[in-house]
Amino acid sequence: MTCGGSRAAAACYLGITPGALQSATVTIRAWQKMPGNADAHQDALHRITEIAAATEAPSSRRLTAPE
């Protein structure tokens, strides 16, 4: 979200395997169908994105963009 890419691109950037991303996505989508959960999930993602965008990681720990 901070870079404007897809979930798959974010997972690749973070080292999350496609299988783990698929499994998490299925679980989250089922949970989101319950009343109020979709909005809560979206709000949480936006808060995490704001924190990530505002926090500068030490250069020794910063991930580099994928090729």
PDB file of N, CA and C in Angstrom:
ATOM      1  N   MET A   1       0.832  -1.196   0.000  1.00  0.00           N
ATOM      2  CA  MET A   1       0.000   0.000   0.000  1.00  0.00           C
ATOM      3  C   MET A   1       0.872   1.253   0.000  1.00  0.00           C
ATOM      4  N   THR A   2       2.004   1.211   0.693  1.00  0.00           N
ATOM      5  CA  THR A   2       2.848   2.404   0.740  1.00  0.00           C
ATOM      6  C   THR A   2       3.529   2.653  -0.591  1.00  0.00           C
ATOM      7  N   CYS A   3       3.716   1.604  -1.376  1.00  0.00           N
ATOM      8  CA  CYS A   3       4.384   1.742  -2.678  1.00  0.00           C
ATOM      9  C   CYS A   3       3.416   1.648  -3.850  1.00  0.00           C
ATOM     10  N   GLY A   4       2.145   1.387  -3.575  1.00  0.00           N
ATOM     11  CA  GLY A   4       1.153   1.306  -4.635  1.00  0.00           C
ATOM     12  C   GLY A   4       1.101  -0.024  -5.365  1.00  0.00           C
ATOM     13  N   GLY A   5       1.706  -1.058  -4.813  1.00  0.00           N
ATOM     14  CA  GLY A   5       1.720  -2.355  -5.476  1.00  0.00           C
ATOM     15  C   GLY A   5       0.601  -3.267  -5.013  1.00  0.00           C
ATOM     16  N   SER A   6       0.607  -4.467  -5.545  1.00  0.00           N
ATOM     17  CA  SER A   6      -0.401  -5.471  -5.203  1.00  0.00           C
ATOM     18  C   SER A   6      -0.016  -6.218  -3.928  1.00  0.00           C
ATOM     19  N   ARG A   7      -0.940  -7.030  -3.422  1.00  0.00           N
ATOM     20  CA  ARG A   7      -0.621  -7.875  -2.267  1.00  0.00           C
ATOM     21  C   ARG A   7       0.487  -8.861  -2.615  1.00  0.00           C
ATOM     22  N   ALA A   8       0.438  -9.405  -3.819  1.00  0.00           N
ATOM     23  CA  ALA A   8       1.467 -10.360  -4.242  1.00  0.00           C
ATOM     24  C   ALA A   8       2.842  -9.689  -4.280  1.00  0.00           C
ATOM     25  N   ALA A   9       2.898  -8.456  -4.778  1.00  0.00           N
ATOM     26  CA  ALA A   9       4.167  -7.721  -4.813  1.00  0.00           C
ATOM     27  C   ALA A   9       4.661  -7.434  -3.401  1.00  0.00           C
ATOM     28  N   ALA A  10       3.740  -7.076  -2.504  1.00  0.00           N
ATOM     29  CA  ALA A  10       4.112  -6.814  -1.112  1.00  0.00           C
ATOM     30  C   ALA A  10       4.627  -8.097  -0.447  1.00  0.00           C
ATOM     31  N   ALA A  11       3.949  -9.208  -0.692  1.00  0.00           N
ATOM     32  CA  ALA A  11       4.380 -10.482  -0.117  1.00  0.00           C
ATOM     33  C   ALA A  11       5.776 -10.844  -0.603  1.00  0.00           C
ATOM     34  N   CYS A  12       6.025 -10.690  -1.880  1.00  0.00           N
ATOM     35  CA  CYS A  12       7.345 -10.971  -2.449  1.00  0.00           C
ATOM     36  C   CYS A  12       8.396 -10.084  -1.790  1.00  0.00           C
ATOM     37  N   TYR A  13       8.103  -8.813  -1.650  1.00  0.00           N
ATOM     38  CA  TYR A  13       9.003  -7.839  -1.033  1.00  0.00           C
ATOM     39  C   TYR A  13       9.341  -8.230   0.403  1.00  0.00           C
ATOM     40  N   LEU A  14       8.341  -8.755   1.130  1.00  0.00           N
ATOM     41  CA  LEU A  14       8.531  -9.134   2.523  1.00  0.00           C
ATOM     42  C   LEU A  14       9.025 -10.567   2.703  1.00  0.00           C
ATOM     43  N   GLY A  15       9.173 -11.301   1.601  1.00  0.00           N
ATOM     44  CA  GLY A  15       9.655 -12.671   1.681  1.00  0.00           C
ATOM     45  C   GLY A  15       8.591 -13.680   2.043  1.00  0.00           C
ATOM     46  N   ILE A  16       7.330 -13.333   1.839  1.00  0.00           N
ATOM     47  CA  ILE A  16       6.216 -14.241   2.122  1.00  0.00           C
ATOM     48  C   ILE A  16       5.971 -15.083   0.881  1.00  0.00           C
ATOM     49  N   THR A  17       5.904 -16.382   1.052  1.00  0.00           N
ATOM     50  CA  THR A  17       5.732 -17.270  -0.091  1.00  0.00           C
ATOM     51  C   THR A  17       4.312 -17.162  -0.660  1.00  0.00           C
ATOM     52  N   PRO A  18       4.159 -17.440  -1.954  1.00  0.00           N
ATOM     53  CA  PRO A  18       2.819 -17.382  -2.563  1.00  0.00           C
ATOM     54  C   PRO A  18       1.812 -18.290  -1.859  1.00  0.00           C
ATOM     55  N   GLY A  19       2.226 -19.466  -1.401  1.00  0.00           N
ATOM     56  CA  GLY A  19       1.318 -20.377  -0.703  1.00  0.00           C
ATOM     57  C   GLY A  19       0.820 -19.799   0.604  1.00  0.00           C
ATOM     58  N   ALA A  20       1.719 -19.163   1.358  1.00  0.00           N
ATOM     59  CA  ALA A  20       1.328 -18.547   2.625  1.00  0.00           C
ATOM     60  C   ALA A  20       0.391 -17.376   2.377  1.00  0.00           C
ATOM     61  N   LEU A  21       0.660 -16.602   1.332  1.00  0.00           N
ATOM     62  CA  LEU A  21      -0.210 -15.480   0.990  1.00  0.00           C
ATOM     63  C   LEU A  21      -1.601 -15.982   0.622  1.00  0.00           C
ATOM     64  N   GLN A  22      -1.677 -17.024  -0.178  1.00  0.00           N
ATOM     65  CA  GLN A  22      -2.961 -17.605  -0.603  1.00  0.00           C
ATOM     66  C   GLN A  22      -3.748 -18.102   0.605  1.00  0.00           C
ATOM     67  N   SER A  23      -3.072 -18.817   1.499  1.00  0.00           N
ATOM     68  CA  SER A  23      -3.735 -19.353   2.686  1.00  0.00           C
ATOM     69  C   SER A  23      -4.268 -18.236   3.573  1.00  0.00           C
ATOM     70  N   ALA A  24      -3.455 -17.217   3.799  1.00  0.00           N
ATOM     71  CA  ALA A  24      -3.881 -16.089   4.636  1.00  0.00           C
ATOM     72  C   ALA A  24      -5.039 -15.347   3.985  1.00  0.00           C
ATOM     73  N   THR A  25      -4.983 -15.170   2.682  1.00  0.00           N
ATOM     74  CA  THR A  25      -6.039 -14.455   1.968  1.00  0.00           C
ATOM     75  C   THR A  25      -7.374 -15.185   2.098  1.00  0.00           C
ATOM     76  N   VAL A  26      -7.368 -16.501   1.960  1.00  0.00           N
ATOM     77  CA  VAL A  26      -8.604 -17.298   2.089  1.00  0.00           C
ATOM     78  C   VAL A  26      -9.173 -17.145   3.499  1.00  0.00           C
ATOM     79  N   THR A  27      -8.318 -17.236   4.500  1.00  0.00           N
ATOM     80  CA  THR A  27      -8.759 -17.106   5.894  1.00  0.00           C
ATOM     81  C   THR A  27      -9.331 -15.723   6.168  1.00  0.00           C
ATOM     82  N   ILE A  28      -8.625 -14.690   5.715  1.00  0.00           N
ATOM     83  CA  ILE A  28      -9.070 -13.309   5.958  1.00  0.00           C
ATOM     84  C   ILE A  28     -10.380 -13.022   5.238  1.00  0.00           C
ATOM     85  N   ARG A  29     -10.512 -13.479   4.006  1.00  0.00           N
ATOM     86  CA  ARG A  29     -11.752 -13.220   3.266  1.00  0.00           C
ATOM     87  C   ARG A  29     -12.952 -13.865   3.933  1.00  0.00           C
ATOM     88  N   ALA A  30     -12.779 -15.063   4.481  1.00  0.00           N
ATOM     89  CA  ALA A  30     -13.880 -15.721   5.189  1.00  0.00           C
ATOM     90  C   ALA A  30     -14.246 -14.915   6.436  1.00  0.00           C
ATOM     91  N   TRP A  31     -13.244 -14.432   7.163  1.00  0.00           N
ATOM     92  CA  TRP A  31     -13.465 -13.641   8.376  1.00  0.00           C
ATOM     93  C   TRP A  31     -14.132 -12.307   8.046  1.00  0.00           C
ATOM     94  N   GLN A  32     -13.753 -11.710   6.918  1.00  0.00           N
ATOM     95  CA  GLN A  32     -14.293 -10.407   6.527  1.00  0.00           C
ATOM     96  C   GLN A  32     -15.789 -10.445   6.245  1.00  0.00           C
ATOM     97  N   LYS A  33     -16.341 -11.606   5.946  1.00  0.00           N
ATOM     98  CA  LYS A  33     -17.766 -11.703   5.621  1.00  0.00           C
ATOM     99  C   LYS A  33     -18.655 -11.491   6.844  1.00  0.00           C
ATOM    100  N   MET A  34     -18.072 -11.580   8.031  1.00  0.00           N
ATOM    101  CA  MET A  34     -18.855 -11.361   9.247  1.00  0.00           C
ATOM    102  C   MET A  34     -19.073  -9.864   9.428  1.00  0.00           C
ATOM    103  N   PRO A  35     -20.242  -9.442   9.933  1.00  0.00           N
ATOM    104  CA  PRO A  35     -20.578  -8.023  10.044  1.00  0.00           C
ATOM    105  C   PRO A  35     -19.507  -7.197  10.776  1.00  0.00           C
ATOM    106  N   GLY A  36     -19.106  -6.104  10.141  1.00  0.00           N
ATOM    107  CA  GLY A  36     -18.157  -5.169  10.744  1.00  0.00           C
ATOM    108  C   GLY A  36     -16.692  -5.522  10.555  1.00  0.00           C
ATOM    109  N   ASN A  37     -16.397  -6.773  10.226  1.00  0.00           N
ATOM    110  CA  ASN A  37     -15.004  -7.183  10.119  1.00  0.00           C
ATOM    111  C   ASN A  37     -14.294  -6.598   8.903  1.00  0.00           C
ATOM    112  N   ALA A  38     -14.982  -6.437   7.789  1.00  0.00           N
ATOM    113  CA  ALA A  38     -14.337  -5.876   6.600  1.00  0.00           C
ATOM    114  C   ALA A  38     -13.862  -4.455   6.868  1.00  0.00           C
ATOM    115  N   ASP A  39     -14.700  -3.650   7.506  1.00  0.00           N
ATOM    116  CA  ASP A  39     -14.304  -2.280   7.839  1.00  0.00           C
ATOM    117  C   ASP A  39     -13.166  -2.261   8.848  1.00  0.00           C
ATOM    118  N   ALA A  40     -13.231  -3.129   9.852  1.00  0.00           N
ATOM    119  CA  ALA A  40     -12.167  -3.197  10.857  1.00  0.00           C
ATOM    120  C   ALA A  40     -10.843  -3.603  10.224  1.00  0.00           C
ATOM    121  N   HIS A  41     -10.886  -4.547   9.285  1.00  0.00           N
ATOM    122  CA  HIS A  41      -9.678  -5.000   8.594  1.00  0.00           C
ATOM    123  C   HIS A  41      -9.083  -3.869   7.762  1.00  0.00           C
ATOM    124  N   GLN A  42      -9.918  -3.180   7.029  1.00  0.00           N
ATOM    125  CA  GLN A  42      -9.446  -2.076   6.189  1.00  0.00           C
ATOM    126  C   GLN A  42      -8.848  -0.958   7.050  1.00  0.00           C
ATOM    127  N   ASP A  43      -9.502  -0.638   8.159  1.00  0.00           N
ATOM    128  CA  ASP A  43      -8.976   0.384   9.073  1.00  0.00           C
ATOM    129  C   ASP A  43      -7.616  -0.029   9.629  1.00  0.00           C
ATOM    130  N   ALA A  44      -7.482  -1.281  10.006  1.00  0.00           N
ATOM    131  CA  ALA A  44      -6.210  -1.775  10.541  1.00  0.00           C
ATOM    132  C   ALA A  44      -5.110  -1.698   9.488  1.00  0.00           C
ATOM    133  N   LEU A  45      -5.432  -2.080   8.253  1.00  0.00           N
ATOM    134  CA  LEU A  45      -4.433  -1.993   7.180  1.00  0.00           C
ATOM    135  C   LEU A  45      -3.976  -0.560   6.961  1.00  0.00           C
ATOM    136  N   HIS A  46      -4.903   0.365   6.997  1.00  0.00           N
ATOM    137  CA  HIS A  46      -4.533   1.774   6.817  1.00  0.00           C
ATOM    138  C   HIS A  46      -3.663   2.275   7.965  1.00  0.00           C
ATOM    139  N   ARG A  47      -3.972   1.863   9.187  1.00  0.00           N
ATOM    140  CA  ARG A  47      -3.139   2.267  10.338  1.00  0.00           C
ATOM    141  C   ARG A  47      -1.731   1.694  10.218  1.00  0.00           C
ATOM    142  N   ILE A  48      -1.628   0.423   9.843  1.00  0.00           N
ATOM    143  CA  ILE A  48      -0.319  -0.216   9.667  1.00  0.00           C
ATOM    144  C   ILE A  48       0.465   0.494   8.565  1.00  0.00           C
ATOM    145  N   THR A  49      -0.214   0.824   7.469  1.00  0.00           N
ATOM    146  CA  THR A  49       0.438   1.520   6.358  1.00  0.00           C
ATOM    147  C   THR A  49       0.965   2.876   6.803  1.00  0.00           C
ATOM    148  N   GLU A  50       0.171   3.614   7.563  1.00  0.00           N
ATOM    149  CA  GLU A  50       0.600   4.923   8.051  1.00  0.00           C
ATOM    150  C   GLU A  50       1.827   4.794   8.948  1.00  0.00           C
ATOM    151  N   ILE A  51       1.838   3.785   9.814  1.00  0.00           N
ATOM    152  CA  ILE A  51       2.978   3.567  10.702  1.00  0.00           C
ATOM    153  C   ILE A  51       4.214   3.201   9.886  1.00  0.00           C
ATOM    154  N   ALA A  52       4.038   2.293   8.929  1.00  0.00           N
ATOM    155  CA  ALA A  52       5.176   1.861   8.106  1.00  0.00           C
ATOM    156  C   ALA A  52       5.739   3.021   7.286  1.00  0.00           C
ATOM    157  N   ALA A  53       4.868   3.846   6.757  1.00  0.00           N
ATOM    158  CA  ALA A  53       5.315   4.974   5.936  1.00  0.00           C
ATOM    159  C   ALA A  53       6.017   6.038   6.778  1.00  0.00           C
ATOM    160  N   ALA A  54       5.612   6.172   8.044  1.00  0.00           N
ATOM    161  CA  ALA A  54       6.172   7.214   8.909  1.00  0.00           C
ATOM    162  C   ALA A  54       7.425   6.761   9.653  1.00  0.00           C
ATOM    163  N   THR A  55       7.672   5.467   9.689  1.00  0.00           N
ATOM    164  CA  THR A  55       8.787   4.914  10.454  1.00  0.00           C
ATOM    165  C   THR A  55       9.929   4.580   9.508  1.00  0.00           C
ATOM    166  N   GLU A  56      11.073   5.161   9.781  1.00  0.00           N
ATOM    167  CA  GLU A  56      12.239   4.844   8.957  1.00  0.00           C
ATOM    168  C   GLU A  56      13.044   3.761   9.645  1.00  0.00           C
ATOM    169  N   ALA A  57      13.228   2.660   8.964  1.00  0.00           N
ATOM    170  CA  ALA A  57      14.007   1.549   9.511  1.00  0.00           C
ATOM    171  C   ALA A  57      15.490   1.904   9.451  1.00  0.00           C
ATOM    172  N   PRO A  58      16.258   1.397  10.408  1.00  0.00           N
ATOM    173  CA  PRO A  58      17.714   1.598  10.320  1.00  0.00           C
ATOM    174  C   PRO A  58      18.222   1.047   8.993  1.00  0.00           C
ATOM    175  N   SER A  59      19.186   1.706   8.393  1.00  0.00           N
ATOM    176  CA  SER A  59      19.651   1.306   7.062  1.00  0.00           C
ATOM    177  C   SER A  59      20.149  -0.125   7.027  1.00  0.00           C
ATOM    178  N   SER A  60      20.669  -0.637   8.120  1.00  0.00           N
ATOM    179  CA  SER A  60      21.153  -2.026   8.145  1.00  0.00           C
ATOM    180  C   SER A  60      20.023  -3.037   8.103  1.00  0.00           C
ATOM    181  N   ARG A  61      18.794  -2.605   8.416  1.00  0.00           N
ATOM    182  CA  ARG A  61      17.654  -3.516   8.432  1.00  0.00           C
ATOM    183  C   ARG A  61      16.665  -3.233   7.319  1.00  0.00           C
ATOM    184  N   ARG A  62      16.844  -2.168   6.597  1.00  0.00           N
ATOM    185  CA  ARG A  62      15.895  -1.784   5.557  1.00  0.00           C
ATOM    186  C   ARG A  62      15.918  -2.795   4.433  1.00  0.00           C
ATOM    187  N   LEU A  63      14.743  -3.178   3.968  1.00  0.00           N
ATOM    188  CA  LEU A  63      14.630  -4.087   2.826  1.00  0.00           C
ATOM    189  C   LEU A  63      14.843  -3.301   1.550  1.00  0.00           C
ATOM    190  N   THR A  64      15.394  -3.935   0.566  1.00  0.00           N
ATOM    191  CA  THR A  64      15.544  -3.275  -0.723  1.00  0.00           C
ATOM    192  C   THR A  64      14.403  -3.680  -1.624  1.00  0.00           C
ATOM    193  N   ALA A  65      14.089  -2.811  -2.554  1.00  0.00           N
ATOM    194  CA  ALA A  65      13.002  -3.098  -3.493  1.00  0.00           C
ATOM    195  C   ALA A  65      13.380  -4.280  -4.365  1.00  0.00           C
ATOM    196  N   PRO A  66      12.413  -5.135  -4.684  1.00  0.00           N
ATOM    197  CA  PRO A  66      12.709  -6.277  -5.572  1.00  0.00           C
ATOM    198  C   PRO A  66      13.059  -5.787  -6.966  1.00  0.00           C
ATOM    199  N   GLU A  67      13.851  -6.566  -7.641  1.00  0.00           N
ATOM    200  CA  GLU A  67      14.256  -6.206  -9.016  1.00  0.00           C
ATOM    201  C   GLU A  67      13.071  -6.247  -9.946  1.00  0.00           C
TER     202      GLU A  67
END
